[in-house]
C-alpha atoms as a PDB file:
ATOM      1  CA  MET A   1      -7.328 200.853   2.632  1.00  0.00           C
ATOM      2  CA  ALA A   2      -5.091 203.798   2.602  1.00  0.00           C
ATOM      3  CA  ASP A   3      -5.855 206.486  -0.211  1.00  0.00           C
ATOM      4  CA  LYS A   4      -3.625 206.498  -3.228  1.00  0.00           C
ATOM      5  CA  ASN A   5      -1.553 209.457  -1.605  1.00  0.00           C
ATOM      6  CA  ALA A   6      -0.614 207.456   1.405  1.00  0.00           C
ATOM      7  CA  THR A   7       0.056 204.362  -0.842  1.00  0.00           C
ATOM      8  CA  GLY A   8       2.357 206.456  -3.136  1.00  0.00           C
ATOM      9  CA  LYS A   9       4.452 208.097  -0.419  1.00  0.00           C
ATOM     10  CA  LEU A  10       4.924 204.729   1.492  1.00  0.00           C
ATOM     11  CA  ILE A  11       6.086 203.291  -2.280  1.00  0.00           C
ATOM     12  CA  TRP A  12       8.459 206.302  -2.627  1.00  0.00           C
ATOM     13  CA  SER A  13       9.772 205.470   1.105  1.00  0.00           C
ATOM     14  CA  ILE A  14      10.531 201.974  -0.380  1.00  0.00           C
ATOM     15  CA  ALA A  15      12.343 203.121  -2.761  1.00  0.00           C
ATOM     16  CA  ILE A  16      14.244 205.893  -1.137  1.00  0.00           C
ATOM     17  CA  PRO A  17      14.138 205.962   2.637  1.00  0.00           C
ATOM     18  CA  GLY A  18      13.264 209.695   3.720  1.00  0.00           C
ATOM     19  CA  PHE A  19      11.899 210.910   0.453  1.00  0.00           C
ATOM     20  CA  GLY A  20       8.378 209.707   1.557  1.00  0.00           C
ATOM     21  CA  GLN A  21       8.628 212.346   4.259  1.00  0.00           C
ATOM     22  CA  LEU A  22      10.024 215.245   1.423  1.00  0.00           C
ATOM     23  CA  LEU A  23       6.926 214.442  -0.263  1.00  0.00           C
ATOM     24  CA  ASN A  24       4.779 214.854   2.736  1.00  0.00           C
ATOM     25  CA  GLY A  25       6.599 218.392   3.259  1.00  0.00           C
ATOM     26  CA  LYS A  26       8.620 217.097   6.324  1.00  0.00           C
ATOM     27  CA  TYR A  27      11.595 218.655   5.114  1.00  0.00           C
ATOM     28  CA  ILE A  28      13.840 218.404   8.267  1.00  0.00           C
ATOM     29  CA  LYS A  29      12.571 215.077   8.879  1.00  0.00           C
ATOM     30  CA  GLY A  30      12.998 213.726   5.626  1.00  0.00           C
ATOM     31  CA  ILE A  31      16.711 215.220   5.261  1.00  0.00           C
ATOM     32  CA  VAL A  32      17.545 213.696   8.942  1.00  0.00           C
ATOM     33  CA  LEU A  33      15.852 210.233   7.684  1.00  0.00           C
ATOM     34  CA  ILE A  34      18.018 210.599   4.246  1.00  0.00           C
ATOM     35  CA  SER A  35      21.130 211.222   5.965  1.00  0.00           C
ATOM     36  CA  LEU A  36      20.720 208.527   8.783  1.00  0.00           C
ATOM     37  CA  GLU A  37      20.016 206.270   5.604  1.00  0.00           C
ATOM     38  CA  PHE A  38      23.389 207.317   4.209  1.00  0.00           C
ATOM     39  CA  LEU A  39      25.668 207.145   6.871  1.00  0.00           C
ATOM     40  CA  VAL A  40      23.997 203.416   7.899  1.00  0.00           C
ATOM     41  CA  ASN A  41      24.464 202.354   4.255  1.00  0.00           C
ATOM     42  CA  VAL A  42      27.965 203.922   4.023  1.00  0.00           C
ATOM     43  CA  GLN A  43      29.104 202.543   7.187  1.00  0.00           C
ATOM     44  CA  GLY A  44      27.551 199.174   6.888  1.00  0.00           C
ATOM     45  CA  ASN A  45      28.972 198.635   3.091  1.00  0.00           C
ATOM     46  CA  LEU A  46      25.436 198.047   2.532  1.00  0.00           C
ATOM     47  CA  ASN A  47      25.795 198.869  -1.511  1.00  0.00           C
ATOM     48  CA  GLU A  48      28.673 196.558  -1.705  1.00  0.00           C
ATOM     49  CA  VAL A  49      26.687 193.856   0.461  1.00  0.00           C
ATOM     50  CA  ILE A  50      23.597 193.995  -1.768  1.00  0.00           C
ATOM     51  CA  LEU A  51      25.702 194.025  -5.215  1.00  0.00           C
ATOM     52  CA  LEU A  52      27.658 190.812  -4.036  1.00  0.00           C
ATOM     53  CA  SER A  53      24.408 188.911  -2.803  1.00  0.00           C
ATOM     54  CA  PHE A  54      22.593 189.928  -6.012  1.00  0.00           C
ATOM     55  CA  GLN A  55      25.624 188.372  -7.841  1.00  0.00           C
ATOM     56  CA  GLY A  56      25.300 185.093  -5.757  1.00  0.00           C
ATOM     57  CA  GLU A  57      28.714 185.799  -3.970  1.00  0.00           C
ATOM     58  CA  ILE A  58      26.830 185.406  -0.478  1.00  0.00           C
ATOM     59  CA  LEU A  59      29.786 184.345   1.696  1.00  0.00           C
ATOM     60  CA  LYS A  60      31.753 187.283   0.255  1.00  0.00           C
ATOM     61  CA  ALA A  61      28.621 189.526   1.088  1.00  0.00           C
ATOM     62  CA  SER A  62      28.532 188.363   4.679  1.00  0.00           C
ATOM     63  CA  GLN A  63      32.269 189.209   5.088  1.00  0.00           C
ATOM     64  CA  GLN A  64      31.785 192.550   3.513  1.00  0.00           C
ATOM     65  CA  ALA A  65      29.072 193.692   5.915  1.00  0.00           C
ATOM     66  CA  ASP A  66      29.878 195.507   9.217  1.00  0.00           C
ATOM     67  CA  TYR A  67      26.764 193.884  11.082  1.00  0.00           C
ATOM     68  CA  GLN A  68      27.339 196.770  13.564  1.00  0.00           C
ATOM     69  CA  TRP A  69      25.985 199.265  11.294  1.00  0.00           C
ATOM     70  CA  VAL A  70      23.676 196.688   9.081  1.00  0.00           C
ATOM     71  CA  MET A  71      21.659 195.995  12.326  1.00  0.00           C
ATOM     72  CA  PHE A  72      20.271 199.570  12.333  1.00  0.00           C
ATOM     73  CA  TYR A  73      19.228 199.794   8.966  1.00  0.00           C
ATOM     74  CA  PRO A  74      16.112 197.280   9.278  1.00  0.00           C
ATOM     75  CA  CYS A  75      14.216 199.781  11.973  1.00  0.00           C
ATOM     76  CA  LEU A  76      15.294 202.928  10.111  1.00  0.00           C
ATOM     77  CA  TYR A  77      14.241 201.608   6.726  1.00  0.00           C
ATOM     78  CA  ILE A  78      10.634 200.315   7.742  1.00  0.00           C
ATOM     79  CA  PHE A  79      10.336 202.904  10.253  1.00  0.00           C
ATOM     80  CA  THR A  80      10.540 205.624   7.328  1.00  0.00           C
ATOM     81  CA  ILE A  81       7.939 203.582   5.403  1.00  0.00           C
ATOM     82  CA  TRP A  82       5.697 203.548   8.172  1.00  0.00           C
ATOM     83  CA  ASP A  83       6.223 207.472   9.014  1.00  0.00           C
ATOM     84  CA  ALA A  84       5.839 208.532   5.451  1.00  0.00           C
ATOM     85  CA  PHE A  85       2.485 206.313   5.088  1.00  0.00           C
ATOM     86  CA  LYS A  86       1.143 207.685   8.401  1.00  0.00           C
ATOM     87  CA  ASP A  87       1.621 211.560   7.576  1.00  0.00           C
ATOM     88  CA  ALA A  88       0.266 211.046   4.455  1.00  0.00           C
ATOM     89  CA  GLY A  89      -3.033 209.995   5.606  1.00  0.00           C
ATOM     90  CA  GLY A  90      -2.519 206.214   5.885  1.00  0.00           C
ATOM     91  CA  GLY A  91      -2.782 203.694   9.001  1.00  0.00           C
ATOM     92  CA  LYS A  92      -5.629 205.587  10.562  1.00  0.00           C
ATOM     93  CA  LYS A  93      -6.860 202.538  11.754  1.00  0.00           C
ATOM     94  CA  PRO A  94      -6.158 201.051  15.430  1.00  0.00           C
ATOM     95  CA  TYR A  95      -3.068 199.070  15.390  1.00  0.00           C
ATOM     96  CA  SER A  96      -1.981 200.029  11.766  1.00  0.00           C
ATOM     97  CA  PHE A  97       1.154 200.296  12.983  1.00  0.00           C
ATOM     98  CA  LEU A  98       1.939 196.455  14.026  1.00  0.00           C
ATOM     99  CA  PRO A  99       2.684 195.158  10.788  1.00  0.00           C
ATOM    100  CA  PHE A 100       5.277 197.506  10.392  1.00  0.00           C
ATOM    101  CA  VAL A 101       6.668 197.181  14.033  1.00  0.00           C
ATOM    102  CA  PHE A 102       6.837 193.332  13.249  1.00  0.00           C
ATOM    103  CA  CYS A 103       8.411 193.676  10.216  1.00  0.00           C
ATOM    104  CA  ALA A 104      11.108 195.612  11.236  1.00  0.00           C
ATOM    105  CA  TYR A 105      11.493 193.344  14.077  1.00  0.00           C
ATOM    106  CA  PHE A 106      11.730 190.209  12.016  1.00  0.00           C
ATOM    107  CA  VAL A 107      14.132 191.768   9.615  1.00  0.00           C
ATOM    108  CA  THR A 108      16.601 192.928  12.174  1.00  0.00           C
ATOM    109  CA  VAL A 109      16.495 189.362  13.890  1.00  0.00           C
ATOM    110  CA  GLY A 110      16.822 188.071  10.454  1.00  0.00           C
ATOM    111  CA  THR A 111      20.061 190.184   9.982  1.00  0.00           C
ATOM    112  CA  ILE A 112      21.310 189.126  13.188  1.00  0.00           C
ATOM    113  CA  PHE A 113      21.368 185.555  12.417  1.00  0.00           C
ATOM    114  CA  SER A 114      22.397 185.914   8.759  1.00  0.00           C
ATOM    115  CA  SER A 115      25.829 185.582   9.244  1.00  0.00           C
ATOM    116  CA  LYS A 116      25.574 181.861  10.345  1.00  0.00           C
ATOM    117  CA  LEU A 117      22.213 180.305   9.572  1.00  0.00           C
ATOM    118  CA  THR A 118      21.669 178.073   6.697  1.00  0.00           C
ATOM    119  CA  ILE A 119      18.041 176.948   5.594  1.00  0.00           C
ATOM    120  CA  PHE A 120      18.285 173.634   4.179  1.00  0.00           C
ATOM    121  CA  GLY A 121      21.873 173.670   3.759  1.00  0.00           C
ATOM    122  CA  ILE A 122      21.337 176.918   1.900  1.00  0.00           C
ATOM    123  CA  PHE A 123      23.379 180.129   3.489  1.00  0.00           C
ATOM    124  CA  LEU A 124      21.289 183.072   2.553  1.00  0.00           C
ATOM    125  CA  GLY A 125      23.583 185.749   4.127  1.00  0.00           C
ATOM    126  CA  PRO A 126      22.960 189.649   5.032  1.00  0.00           C
ATOM    127  CA  ILE A 127      20.371 190.448   2.224  1.00  0.00           C
ATOM    128  CA  TRP A 128      18.183 187.162   1.597  1.00  0.00           C
ATOM    129  CA  LEU A 129      17.386 186.224   5.068  1.00  0.00           C
ATOM    130  CA  PRO A 130      16.433 189.793   6.215  1.00  0.00           C
ATOM    131  CA  ILE A 131      14.384 190.075   3.044  1.00  0.00           C
ATOM    132  CA  LEU A 132      12.725 186.736   3.529  1.00  0.00           C
ATOM    133  CA  SER A 133      12.107 187.427   7.173  1.00  0.00           C
ATOM    134  CA  ILE A 134       9.478 190.430   6.012  1.00  0.00           C
ATOM    135  CA  ILE A 135       7.013 187.469   5.417  1.00  0.00           C
ATOM    136  CA  PRO A 136       6.811 186.020   8.728  1.00  0.00           C
ATOM    137  CA  GLY A 137       7.028 189.801  10.135  1.00  0.00           C
ATOM    138  CA  LEU A 138       4.072 191.054   8.039  1.00  0.00           C
ATOM    139  CA  LEU A 139       1.866 187.715   8.610  1.00  0.00           C
ATOM    140  CA  ILE A 140       2.334 188.132  12.262  1.00  0.00           C
ATOM    141  CA  GLY A 141       1.892 191.704  12.575  1.00  0.00           C
ATOM    142  CA  PHE A 142      -1.275 191.533  10.359  1.00  0.00           C
ATOM    143  CA  LEU A 143      -2.745 188.579  12.430  1.00  0.00           C
ATOM    144  CA  LEU A 144      -2.020 190.397  15.624  1.00  0.00           C
ATOM    145  CA  GLN A 145      -3.468 193.383  14.453  1.00  0.00           C
ATOM    146  CA  LYS A 146      -6.892 191.533  13.239  1.00  0.00           C
ATOM    147  CA  PHE A 147      -6.891 189.842  16.594  1.00  0.00           C
ATOM    148  CA  ILE A 148      -6.170 192.831  18.835  1.00  0.00           C
ATOM    149  CA  ARG A 149      -9.270 194.823  16.797  1.00  0.00           C
ATOM    150  CA  ARG A 150     -11.727 191.733  16.957  1.00  0.00           C
ATOM    151  CA  LEU A 151     -10.771 191.293  20.957  1.00  0.00           C
ATOM    152  CA  SER A 152     -11.309 195.376  21.207  1.00  0.00           C
ATOM    153  CA  TYR A 153     -14.357 195.156  18.891  1.00  0.00           C
ATOM    154  CA  LYS A 154     -15.835 192.505  21.412  1.00  0.00           C
ATOM    155  CA  THR A 155     -14.883 194.243  24.515  1.00  0.00           C
ATOM    156  CA  GLN A 156     -16.437 197.400  23.405  1.00  0.00           C
ATOM    157  CA  LYS A 157     -19.609 195.774  22.546  1.00  0.00           C
ATOM    158  CA  THR A 158     -19.895 193.982  25.992  1.00  0.00           C
ATOM    159  CA  TYR A 159     -19.438 197.218  27.711  1.00  0.00           C
ATOM    160  CA  THR A 160     -21.877 199.150  25.530  1.00  0.00           C
ATOM    161  CA  LYS A 161     -24.645 196.693  26.337  1.00  0.00           C
END
């Protein structure tokens, strides 16, 4: 488990992408990531899309989204979280990055299909489908991490005999 400092930086990065980097003293990286987050957010019309989605206007939110920009957001967002966590001393175990990588991948795929996909006849749109995509991304990432660590441990054990 990560120390409290790394977990705190992770949580701040969830709230404001790039802020964890500032807290870690990585000012240039933090400013660049905050600037990129702002650029993608504005160009993708993300705040309006979030607002409409939370108000239940999913179709309108989908129409307002600029998907060419919104597709950049998941990887940028998850990367800022991972990077702040790692720089604060977290993620030292082998393959700690896998849950973050798979989360970014699944959320991006969720974003790609969010303009058309319905689940049980419900259109989730550009916010709710990507958010729900976090769950399989993390699950697969943690399972793969555990599997590779066990495989690596067994291989190490075999070679040390």
